[in-house]
C-alpha atoms as a PDB file:
ATOM      1  CA  UNK A   1      16.042   0.921 -21.782  1.00  0.00           C
ATOM      2  CA  UNK A   2      16.089   0.347 -25.545  1.00  0.00           C
ATOM      3  CA  UNK A   3      14.511   2.644 -27.924  1.00  0.00           C
ATOM      4  CA  UNK A   4      12.986   1.948 -31.300  1.00  0.00           C
ATOM      5  CA  UNK A   5      15.592   2.534 -33.970  1.00  0.00           C
ATOM      6  CA  UNK A   6      15.044   2.944 -37.778  1.00  0.00           C
ATOM      7  CA  UNK A   7      16.579   0.213 -39.846  1.00  0.00           C
ATOM      8  CA  UNK A   8      19.139   1.668 -42.341  1.00  0.00           C
ATOM      9  CA  UNK A   9      18.938   0.012 -45.874  1.00  0.00           C
ATOM     10  CA  UNK A  10      22.491  -0.878 -47.222  1.00  0.00           C
ATOM     11  CA  UNK A  11      23.012   0.548 -50.772  1.00  0.00           C
ATOM     12  CA  UNK A  12      25.784  -1.152 -52.906  1.00  0.00           C
ATOM     13  CA  UNK A  13      26.929   1.262 -55.582  1.00  0.00           C
ATOM     14  CA  UNK A  14      28.451  -0.352 -58.709  1.00  0.00           C
ATOM     15  CA  UNK A  15      32.201   0.262 -59.488  1.00  0.00           C
ATOM     16  CA  UNK A  16      32.630   1.722 -62.964  1.00  0.00           C
ATOM     17  CA  UNK A  17      35.872   0.543 -64.748  1.00  0.00           C
ATOM     18  CA  UNK A  18      37.355   2.709 -67.517  1.00  0.00           C
ATOM     19  CA  UNK A  19      39.930   1.266 -70.056  1.00  0.00           C
ATOM     20  CA  UNK A  20      39.493  -2.273 -68.930  1.00  0.00           C
ATOM     21  CA  UNK A  21      42.078  -4.797 -70.255  1.00  0.00           C
ATOM     22  CA  UNK A  22      40.962  -7.825 -72.260  1.00  0.00           C
ATOM     23  CA  UNK A  23      42.089 -10.008 -69.335  1.00  0.00           C
ATOM     24  CA  UNK A  24      40.042  -7.940 -66.958  1.00  0.00           C
ATOM     25  CA  UNK A  25      37.177  -8.031 -69.399  1.00  0.00           C
ATOM     26  CA  UNK A  26      37.313 -11.725 -69.631  1.00  0.00           C
ATOM     27  CA  UNK A  27      37.292 -12.008 -65.794  1.00  0.00           C
ATOM     28  CA  UNK A  28      34.467  -9.583 -65.815  1.00  0.00           C
ATOM     29  CA  UNK A  29      32.381 -11.667 -68.103  1.00  0.00           C
ATOM     30  CA  UNK A  30      32.289 -14.530 -65.752  1.00  0.00           C
ATOM     31  CA  UNK A  31      29.316 -14.313 -63.439  1.00  0.00           C
ATOM     32  CA  UNK A  32      30.111 -12.873 -60.093  1.00  0.00           C
ATOM     33  CA  UNK A  33      29.187 -14.762 -56.948  1.00  0.00           C
ATOM     34  CA  UNK A  34      26.006 -13.528 -55.371  1.00  0.00           C
ATOM     35  CA  UNK A  35      26.556 -11.034 -52.610  1.00  0.00           C
ATOM     36  CA  UNK A  36      25.818 -12.469 -49.284  1.00  0.00           C
ATOM     37  CA  UNK A  37      22.526 -11.076 -48.100  1.00  0.00           C
ATOM     38  CA  UNK A  38      22.771  -9.107 -44.812  1.00  0.00           C
ATOM     39  CA  UNK A  39      19.933  -9.853 -42.489  1.00  0.00           C
ATOM     40  CA  UNK A  40      18.523  -6.775 -40.722  1.00  0.00           C
ATOM     41  CA  UNK A  41      18.322  -7.061 -37.006  1.00  0.00           C
ATOM     42  CA  UNK A  42      14.781  -7.461 -35.790  1.00  0.00           C
ATOM     43  CA  UNK A  43      13.504  -5.643 -32.780  1.00  0.00           C
ATOM     44  CA  UNK A  44      12.701  -7.735 -29.703  1.00  0.00           C
ATOM     45  CA  UNK A  45       9.258  -9.158 -29.710  1.00  0.00           C
ATOM     46  CA  UNK A  46       6.897  -7.472 -27.466  1.00  0.00           C
ATOM     47  CA  UNK A  47       4.359  -9.534 -25.421  1.00  0.00           C
ATOM     48  CA  UNK A  48       0.946 -10.074 -26.972  1.00  0.00           C
ATOM     49  CA  UNK A  49      -2.209  -8.511 -25.662  1.00  0.00           C
ATOM     50  CA  UNK A  50      -3.227 -11.903 -24.285  1.00  0.00           C
ATOM     51  CA  UNK A  51       0.112 -12.340 -22.540  1.00  0.00           C
ATOM     52  CA  UNK A  52      -0.264  -8.869 -20.958  1.00  0.00           C
ATOM     53  CA  UNK A  53      -3.749  -9.546 -19.838  1.00  0.00           C
ATOM     54  CA  UNK A  54      -2.671 -12.745 -18.181  1.00  0.00           C
ATOM     55  CA  UNK A  55       0.136 -10.954 -16.475  1.00  0.00           C
ATOM     56  CA  UNK A  56      -2.114  -8.394 -14.883  1.00  0.00           C
ATOM     57  CA  UNK A  57      -3.456 -11.174 -12.887  1.00  0.00           C
ATOM     58  CA  UNK A  58      -0.104 -12.391 -11.605  1.00  0.00           C
ATOM     59  CA  UNK A  59       1.562 -11.772  -8.321  1.00  0.00           C
ATOM     60  CA  UNK A  60       3.551  -8.594  -7.843  1.00  0.00           C
ATOM     61  CA  UNK A  61       6.996 -10.194  -8.073  1.00  0.00           C
ATOM     62  CA  UNK A  62       6.047 -11.870 -11.401  1.00  0.00           C
ATOM     63  CA  UNK A  63       4.557  -8.713 -12.701  1.00  0.00           C
ATOM     64  CA  UNK A  64       7.618  -6.809 -11.821  1.00  0.00           C
ATOM     65  CA  UNK A  65       9.882  -9.053 -13.826  1.00  0.00           C
ATOM     66  CA  UNK A  66       7.496  -9.120 -16.738  1.00  0.00           C
ATOM     67  CA  UNK A  67       6.959  -5.369 -17.044  1.00  0.00           C
ATOM     68  CA  UNK A  68      10.611  -4.562 -16.396  1.00  0.00           C
ATOM     69  CA  UNK A  69      11.487  -6.596 -19.543  1.00  0.00           C
ATOM     70  CA  UNK A  70       8.749  -4.950 -21.503  1.00  0.00           C
ATOM     71  CA  UNK A  71       9.881  -1.534 -20.420  1.00  0.00           C
ATOM     72  CA  UNK A  72      13.461  -2.255 -21.436  1.00  0.00           C
ATOM     73  CA  UNK A  73      12.225  -3.224 -24.957  1.00  0.00           C
ATOM     74  CA  UNK A  74      10.405   0.088 -25.406  1.00  0.00           C
ATOM     75  CA  UNK A  75      10.820   3.038 -23.144  1.00  0.00           C
ATOM     76  CA  UNK A  76       7.698   4.692 -24.485  1.00  0.00           C
ATOM     77  CA  UNK A  77       5.521   1.707 -23.687  1.00  0.00           C
ATOM     78  CA  UNK A  78       3.108   3.344 -21.186  1.00  0.00           C
ATOM     79  CA  UNK A  79       1.414   0.111 -20.049  1.00  0.00           C
ATOM     80  CA  UNK A  80       4.771  -1.422 -19.274  1.00  0.00           C
ATOM     81  CA  UNK A  81       6.122   1.550 -17.411  1.00  0.00           C
ATOM     82  CA  UNK A  82       2.961   1.940 -15.382  1.00  0.00           C
ATOM     83  CA  UNK A  83       2.735  -1.862 -14.820  1.00  0.00           C
ATOM     84  CA  UNK A  84       6.364  -1.872 -13.439  1.00  0.00           C
ATOM     85  CA  UNK A  85       5.799   1.049 -11.159  1.00  0.00           C
ATOM     86  CA  UNK A  86       2.611  -0.560  -9.830  1.00  0.00           C
ATOM     87  CA  UNK A  87       4.280  -3.828  -9.264  1.00  0.00           C
ATOM     88  CA  UNK A  88       7.198  -2.278  -7.415  1.00  0.00           C
ATOM     89  CA  UNK A  89       4.650  -0.230  -5.220  1.00  0.00           C
ATOM     90  CA  UNK A  90       2.839  -3.485  -4.350  1.00  0.00           C
ATOM     91  CA  UNK A  91       6.129  -5.000  -3.258  1.00  0.00           C
ATOM     92  CA  UNK A  92       6.765  -2.016  -0.979  1.00  0.00           C
ATOM     93  CA  UNK A  93       9.644  -0.817  -3.101  1.00  0.00           C
ATOM     94  CA  UNK A  94       8.333   2.818  -3.238  1.00  0.00           C
ATOM     95  CA  UNK A  95      11.572   4.633  -4.181  1.00  0.00           C
ATOM     96  CA  UNK A  96      11.985   2.285  -7.196  1.00  0.00           C
ATOM     97  CA  UNK A  97       8.315   2.759  -8.135  1.00  0.00           C
ATOM     98  CA  UNK A  98       8.741   6.503  -8.071  1.00  0.00           C
ATOM     99  CA  UNK A  99      11.796   6.252 -10.241  1.00  0.00           C
ATOM    100  CA  UNK A 100      10.098   4.016 -12.755  1.00  0.00           C
ATOM    101  CA  UNK A 101       7.253   6.479 -13.032  1.00  0.00           C
ATOM    102  CA  UNK A 102       9.720   9.298 -13.406  1.00  0.00           C
ATOM    103  CA  UNK A 103      11.505   7.600 -16.232  1.00  0.00           C
ATOM    104  CA  UNK A 104       8.240   7.100 -18.094  1.00  0.00           C
ATOM    105  CA  UNK A 105       7.234  10.728 -17.641  1.00  0.00           C
ATOM    106  CA  UNK A 106      10.403  11.788 -19.459  1.00  0.00           C
ATOM    107  CA  UNK A 107       9.074  10.417 -22.704  1.00  0.00           C
ATOM    108  CA  UNK A 108       5.287  10.847 -22.043  1.00  0.00           C
ATOM    109  CA  UNK A 109       5.123  13.844 -19.855  1.00  0.00           C
ATOM    110  CA  UNK A 110       1.342  14.354 -20.252  1.00  0.00           C
ATOM    111  CA  UNK A 111       0.208  10.784 -19.799  1.00  0.00           C
ATOM    112  CA  UNK A 112      -2.587  10.517 -17.184  1.00  0.00           C
ATOM    113  CA  UNK A 113      -1.732   6.962 -16.040  1.00  0.00           C
ATOM    114  CA  UNK A 114       1.987   7.821 -15.687  1.00  0.00           C
ATOM    115  CA  UNK A 115       1.241  11.014 -13.732  1.00  0.00           C
ATOM    116  CA  UNK A 116      -1.118   9.112 -11.347  1.00  0.00           C
ATOM    117  CA  UNK A 117       1.423   6.420 -10.747  1.00  0.00           C
ATOM    118  CA  UNK A 118       4.084   8.978  -9.990  1.00  0.00           C
ATOM    119  CA  UNK A 119       1.843  10.677  -7.495  1.00  0.00           C
ATOM    120  CA  UNK A 120       0.887   7.360  -5.870  1.00  0.00           C
ATOM    121  CA  UNK A 121       4.455   6.149  -5.509  1.00  0.00           C
ATOM    122  CA  UNK A 122       5.451   9.442  -3.986  1.00  0.00           C
ATOM    123  CA  UNK A 123       2.601   9.434  -1.546  1.00  0.00           C
ATOM    124  CA  UNK A 124       3.349   5.782  -0.707  1.00  0.00           C
ATOM    125  CA  UNK A 125       6.939   6.696   0.250  1.00  0.00           C
ATOM    126  CA  UNK A 126       5.742   9.570   2.384  1.00  0.00           C
ATOM    127  CA  UNK A 127       7.011  12.126  -0.093  1.00  0.00           C
ATOM    128  CA  UNK A 128       3.728  14.005  -0.803  1.00  0.00           C
ATOM    129  CA  UNK A 129       5.401  17.199  -1.758  1.00  0.00           C
ATOM    130  CA  UNK A 130       6.653  15.421  -4.983  1.00  0.00           C
ATOM    131  CA  UNK A 131       3.260  14.110  -5.623  1.00  0.00           C
ATOM    132  CA  UNK A 132       1.716  17.485  -5.940  1.00  0.00           C
ATOM    133  CA  UNK A 133       2.921  18.401  -9.373  1.00  0.00           C
ATOM    134  CA  UNK A 134       1.925  15.182 -11.155  1.00  0.00           C
ATOM    135  CA  UNK A 135      -1.263  15.050  -9.206  1.00  0.00           C
ATOM    136  CA  UNK A 136      -2.285  18.574 -10.339  1.00  0.00           C
ATOM    137  CA  UNK A 137      -1.452  17.730 -13.984  1.00  0.00           C
ATOM    138  CA  UNK A 138      -3.499  14.591 -13.777  1.00  0.00           C
ATOM    139  CA  UNK A 139      -6.373  16.511 -12.270  1.00  0.00           C
ATOM    140  CA  UNK A 140      -6.186  19.032 -15.116  1.00  0.00           C
ATOM    141  CA  UNK A 141      -6.212  16.189 -17.711  1.00  0.00           C
ATOM    142  CA  UNK A 142      -9.288  14.575 -16.118  1.00  0.00           C
ATOM    143  CA  UNK A 143     -11.265  17.244 -14.345  1.00  0.00           C
ATOM    144  CA  UNK A 144     -14.242  15.035 -13.715  1.00  0.00           C
ATOM    145  CA  UNK A 145     -12.227  12.222 -12.046  1.00  0.00           C
ATOM    146  CA  UNK A 146     -12.125  12.210  -8.203  1.00  0.00           C
ATOM    147  CA  UNK A 147      -8.974  10.032  -7.981  1.00  0.00           C
ATOM    148  CA  UNK A 148      -6.321  12.738  -8.546  1.00  0.00           C
ATOM    149  CA  UNK A 149      -8.077  15.086  -6.269  1.00  0.00           C
ATOM    150  CA  UNK A 150      -8.267  12.472  -3.461  1.00  0.00           C
ATOM    151  CA  UNK A 151      -4.612  11.651  -3.946  1.00  0.00           C
ATOM    152  CA  UNK A 152      -3.729  15.360  -3.942  1.00  0.00           C
ATOM    153  CA  UNK A 153      -5.545  15.704  -0.628  1.00  0.00           C
ATOM    154  CA  UNK A 154      -3.243  13.053   0.946  1.00  0.00           C
ATOM    155  CA  UNK A 155      -0.176  14.651  -0.791  1.00  0.00           C
ATOM    156  CA  UNK A 156      -1.024  18.050   0.634  1.00  0.00           C
ATOM    157  CA  UNK A 157      -1.388  16.456   4.136  1.00  0.00           C
ATOM    158  CA  UNK A 158       2.097  15.042   3.867  1.00  0.00           C
ATOM    159  CA  UNK A 159       3.359  18.437   2.754  1.00  0.00           C
ATOM    160  CA  UNK A 160       1.617  20.027   5.860  1.00  0.00           C
ATOM    161  CA  UNK A 161      -0.623  22.138   3.608  1.00  0.00           C
ATOM    162  CA  UNK A 162      -3.782  21.387   5.548  1.00  0.00           C
ATOM    163  CA  UNK A 163      -6.157  23.974   4.020  1.00  0.00           C
ATOM    164  CA  UNK A 164      -5.274  22.745   0.552  1.00  0.00           C
ATOM    165  CA  UNK A 165      -5.649  19.138   1.655  1.00  0.00           C
ATOM    166  CA  UNK A 166      -9.171  19.716   3.001  1.00  0.00           C
ATOM    167  CA  UNK A 167     -10.269  21.578  -0.185  1.00  0.00           C
ATOM    168  CA  UNK A 168      -8.927  18.735  -2.372  1.00  0.00           C
ATOM    169  CA  UNK A 169     -10.690  16.066  -0.297  1.00  0.00           C
ATOM    170  CA  UNK A 170     -13.961  17.971  -0.384  1.00  0.00           C
ATOM    171  CA  UNK A 171     -13.675  18.390  -4.159  1.00  0.00           C
ATOM    172  CA  UNK A 172     -13.110  14.641  -4.547  1.00  0.00           C
ATOM    173  CA  UNK A 173     -16.244  13.854  -2.491  1.00  0.00           C
ATOM    174  CA  UNK A 174     -18.320  16.413  -4.394  1.00  0.00           C
ATOM    175  CA  UNK A 175     -17.306  14.606  -7.706  1.00  0.00           C
ATOM    176  CA  UNK A 176     -17.986  11.119  -6.392  1.00  0.00           C
ATOM    177  CA  UNK A 177     -20.414  11.111  -3.518  1.00  0.00           C
ATOM    178  CA  UNK A 178     -21.131   7.325  -3.988  1.00  0.00           C
ATOM    179  CA  UNK A 179     -17.516   6.307  -3.691  1.00  0.00           C
ATOM    180  CA  UNK A 180     -16.134   5.190  -0.361  1.00  0.00           C
ATOM    181  CA  UNK A 181     -12.515   6.006  -0.900  1.00  0.00           C
ATOM    182  CA  UNK A 182     -12.719   9.849  -1.159  1.00  0.00           C
ATOM    183  CA  UNK A 183     -15.158   9.898   1.854  1.00  0.00           C
ATOM    184  CA  UNK A 184     -12.766   7.836   3.854  1.00  0.00           C
ATOM    185  CA  UNK A 185      -9.716   9.986   2.940  1.00  0.00           C
ATOM    186  CA  UNK A 186     -11.670  13.054   3.977  1.00  0.00           C
ATOM    187  CA  UNK A 187     -12.697  11.335   7.313  1.00  0.00           C
ATOM    188  CA  UNK A 188      -9.060  10.458   8.084  1.00  0.00           C
ATOM    189  CA  UNK A 189      -7.935  13.985   7.316  1.00  0.00           C
ATOM    190  CA  UNK A 190     -10.636  15.254   9.736  1.00  0.00           C
ATOM    191  CA  UNK A 191      -9.544  12.688  12.340  1.00  0.00           C
ATOM    192  CA  UNK A 192      -5.911  13.808  12.093  1.00  0.00           C
ATOM    193  CA  UNK A 193      -7.049  17.391  12.533  1.00  0.00           C
ATOM    194  CA  UNK A 194      -8.866  16.391  15.798  1.00  0.00           C
ATOM    195  CA  UNK A 195     -12.434  16.408  14.363  1.00  0.00           C
ATOM    196  CA  UNK A 196     -13.331  12.809  15.382  1.00  0.00           C
ATOM    197  CA  UNK A 197     -17.074  13.452  15.241  1.00  0.00           C
ATOM    198  CA  UNK A 198     -16.895  14.834  11.759  1.00  0.00           C
ATOM    199  CA  UNK A 199     -14.594  11.881  10.780  1.00  0.00           C
ATOM    200  CA  UNK A 200     -17.107   9.389  12.234  1.00  0.00           C
ATOM    201  CA  UNK A 201     -20.023  10.838  10.290  1.00  0.00           C
ATOM    202  CA  UNK A 202     -18.038  10.592   7.053  1.00  0.00           C
ATOM    203  CA  UNK A 203     -16.938   7.102   7.730  1.00  0.00           C
ATOM    204  CA  UNK A 204     -20.435   5.867   8.604  1.00  0.00           C
ATOM    205  CA  UNK A 205     -21.602   7.310   5.308  1.00  0.00           C
ATOM    206  CA  UNK A 206     -18.669   5.589   3.555  1.00  0.00           C
ATOM    207  CA  UNK A 207     -19.291   2.287   5.288  1.00  0.00           C
ATOM    208  CA  UNK A 208     -22.846   2.302   4.031  1.00  0.00           C
ATOM    209  CA  UNK A 209     -21.749   2.427   0.402  1.00  0.00           C
ATOM    210  CA  UNK A 210     -21.504  -0.604  -1.886  1.00  0.00           C
ATOM    211  CA  UNK A 211     -17.823   0.291  -2.572  1.00  0.00           C
ATOM    212  CA  UNK A 212     -16.879   0.144   1.171  1.00  0.00           C
ATOM    213  CA  UNK A 213     -13.998  -2.147   2.013  1.00  0.00           C
ATOM    214  CA  UNK A 214     -12.697  -3.740   5.209  1.00  0.00           C
ATOM    215  CA  UNK A 215     -10.381  -0.804   5.633  1.00  0.00           C
ATOM    216  CA  UNK A 216     -13.295   1.757   5.720  1.00  0.00           C
ATOM    217  CA  UNK A 217     -15.005  -0.243   8.525  1.00  0.00           C
ATOM    218  CA  UNK A 218     -11.670  -0.631  10.417  1.00  0.00           C
ATOM    219  CA  UNK A 219     -11.078   3.119  10.183  1.00  0.00           C
ATOM    220  CA  UNK A 220     -14.581   3.620  11.593  1.00  0.00           C
ATOM    221  CA  UNK A 221     -13.731   1.291  14.434  1.00  0.00           C
ATOM    222  CA  UNK A 222     -10.532   3.288  15.099  1.00  0.00           C
ATOM    223  CA  UNK A 223     -12.356   6.644  15.191  1.00  0.00           C
ATOM    224  CA  UNK A 224     -15.104   5.305  17.362  1.00  0.00           C
ATOM    225  CA  UNK A 225     -12.563   3.786  19.731  1.00  0.00           C
ATOM    226  CA  UNK A 226     -10.524   7.055  19.862  1.00  0.00           C
ATOM    227  CA  UNK A 227     -13.664   8.734  21.288  1.00  0.00           C
ATOM    228  CA  UNK A 228     -13.575   6.277  24.143  1.00  0.00           C
ATOM    229  CA  UNK A 229     -16.365   3.984  22.935  1.00  0.00           C
ATOM    230  CA  UNK A 230     -14.293   0.831  23.089  1.00  0.00           C
ATOM    231  CA  UNK A 231     -17.142  -1.683  23.292  1.00  0.00           C
ATOM    232  CA  UNK A 232     -18.602  -0.360  20.117  1.00  0.00           C
ATOM    233  CA  UNK A 233     -15.156  -0.223  18.434  1.00  0.00           C
ATOM    234  CA  UNK A 234     -14.638  -3.840  19.389  1.00  0.00           C
ATOM    235  CA  UNK A 235     -17.891  -4.885  17.887  1.00  0.00           C
ATOM    236  CA  UNK A 236     -17.112  -3.183  14.580  1.00  0.00           C
ATOM    237  CA  UNK A 237     -13.628  -4.636  14.496  1.00  0.00           C
ATOM    238  CA  UNK A 238     -14.720  -8.244  15.085  1.00  0.00           C
ATOM    239  CA  UNK A 239     -16.852  -8.137  11.980  1.00  0.00           C
ATOM    240  CA  UNK A 240     -13.829  -8.442   9.733  1.00  0.00           C
ATOM    241  CA  UNK A 241     -10.684  -9.258  11.826  1.00  0.00           C
ATOM    242  CA  UNK A 242      -9.546 -12.492  13.633  1.00  0.00           C
ATOM    243  CA  UNK A 243      -9.454 -12.344  17.461  1.00  0.00           C
ATOM    244  CA  UNK A 244      -5.777 -11.715  17.858  1.00  0.00           C
ATOM    245  CA  UNK A 245      -5.809  -8.854  15.541  1.00  0.00           C
ATOM    246  CA  UNK A 246      -8.744  -7.184  17.293  1.00  0.00           C
ATOM    247  CA  UNK A 247      -7.039  -7.627  20.634  1.00  0.00           C
ATOM    248  CA  UNK A 248      -3.932  -6.018  19.228  1.00  0.00           C
ATOM    249  CA  UNK A 249      -6.002  -3.016  17.985  1.00  0.00           C
ATOM    250  CA  UNK A 250      -7.835  -2.624  21.319  1.00  0.00           C
ATOM    251  CA  UNK A 251      -4.610  -2.655  23.189  1.00  0.00           C
ATOM    252  CA  UNK A 252      -3.391   0.215  20.989  1.00  0.00           C
ATOM    253  CA  UNK A 253      -6.652   2.111  21.449  1.00  0.00           C
ATOM    254  CA  UNK A 254      -6.581   1.770  25.158  1.00  0.00           C
ATOM    255  CA  UNK A 255      -2.984   3.117  25.240  1.00  0.00           C
ATOM    256  CA  UNK A 256      -4.008   5.990  22.790  1.00  0.00           C
ATOM    257  CA  UNK A 257      -6.820   7.199  25.020  1.00  0.00           C
ATOM    258  CA  UNK A 258      -4.889   6.734  28.254  1.00  0.00           C
ATOM    259  CA  UNK A 259      -6.507   3.645  29.666  1.00  0.00           C
ATOM    260  CA  UNK A 260      -3.269   1.765  29.620  1.00  0.00           C
ATOM    261  CA  UNK A 261       0.264   2.958  30.135  1.00  0.00           C
ATOM    262  CA  UNK A 262       1.743   0.584  27.521  1.00  0.00           C
ATOM    263  CA  UNK A 263       2.043   2.171  24.146  1.00  0.00           C
ATOM    264  CA  UNK A 264       1.847   0.333  20.752  1.00  0.00           C
ATOM    265  CA  UNK A 265       2.572   1.693  17.370  1.00  0.00           C
ATOM    266  CA  UNK A 266      -0.144   2.238  14.811  1.00  0.00           C
ATOM    267  CA  UNK A 267       1.986   0.038  12.506  1.00  0.00           C
ATOM    268  CA  UNK A 268       1.214  -2.893  14.685  1.00  0.00           C
ATOM    269  CA  UNK A 269      -2.521  -2.198  14.503  1.00  0.00           C
ATOM    270  CA  UNK A 270      -2.269  -1.635  10.755  1.00  0.00           C
ATOM    271  CA  UNK A 271      -0.445  -4.869  10.329  1.00  0.00           C
ATOM    272  CA  UNK A 272      -3.108  -6.647  12.242  1.00  0.00           C
ATOM    273  CA  UNK A 273      -5.644  -5.497   9.729  1.00  0.00           C
END
């Protein structure tokens, strides 16, 4: 990546002649040709605010190419570095996203957005241990923001630090009781620990919020189905998913609770959603 460089002014010192001959003096009297002006190199033009705003609405591949160019022009450009990491993450290129965020943190180590993107990328690639440090720093910078705490909860889960995960999830919910995401993350943590009833209660609360998404409702269907209430799970699932996806998910649930011998991966269910 390029860095901003100071432009050095060229100073031409005059040559002082002592004991100049008449011939030399005559030659000196003639006007000297003008020195050719040296054009200073100009730094690459960065995209305008309007161009950047337009690019934020583009598809991930286009955004990746755009922000990569912007980041190369200025390694301290936080918006470009974060935008590049986000685009790479959206493309599923999690290792590259984590690397992009790490490069940005070298020059802006205390930037909240860069820290959050580093934590997100590491969680996305299943390396939650490496998300803990940036997540903690982000939480310290914005102590009233639930997002770094909810992210930390997932990071602690991946690092198999369950007590810290539960504490972080509960802190996030306490900060933002009207947000569906921290409640959902808490619920899925409870579900993974075997507390399906507690997970269902949290997911029903989350699903009733205006911020609830399809994923929240599908997680609720999953947790209900894992308790053996497949008819209810099917009804919930069909609210948002096409028939083939629901059939796929129900097949996985039946296998998970022992009603079928054929097993299916949760990846297949997730892809269906």
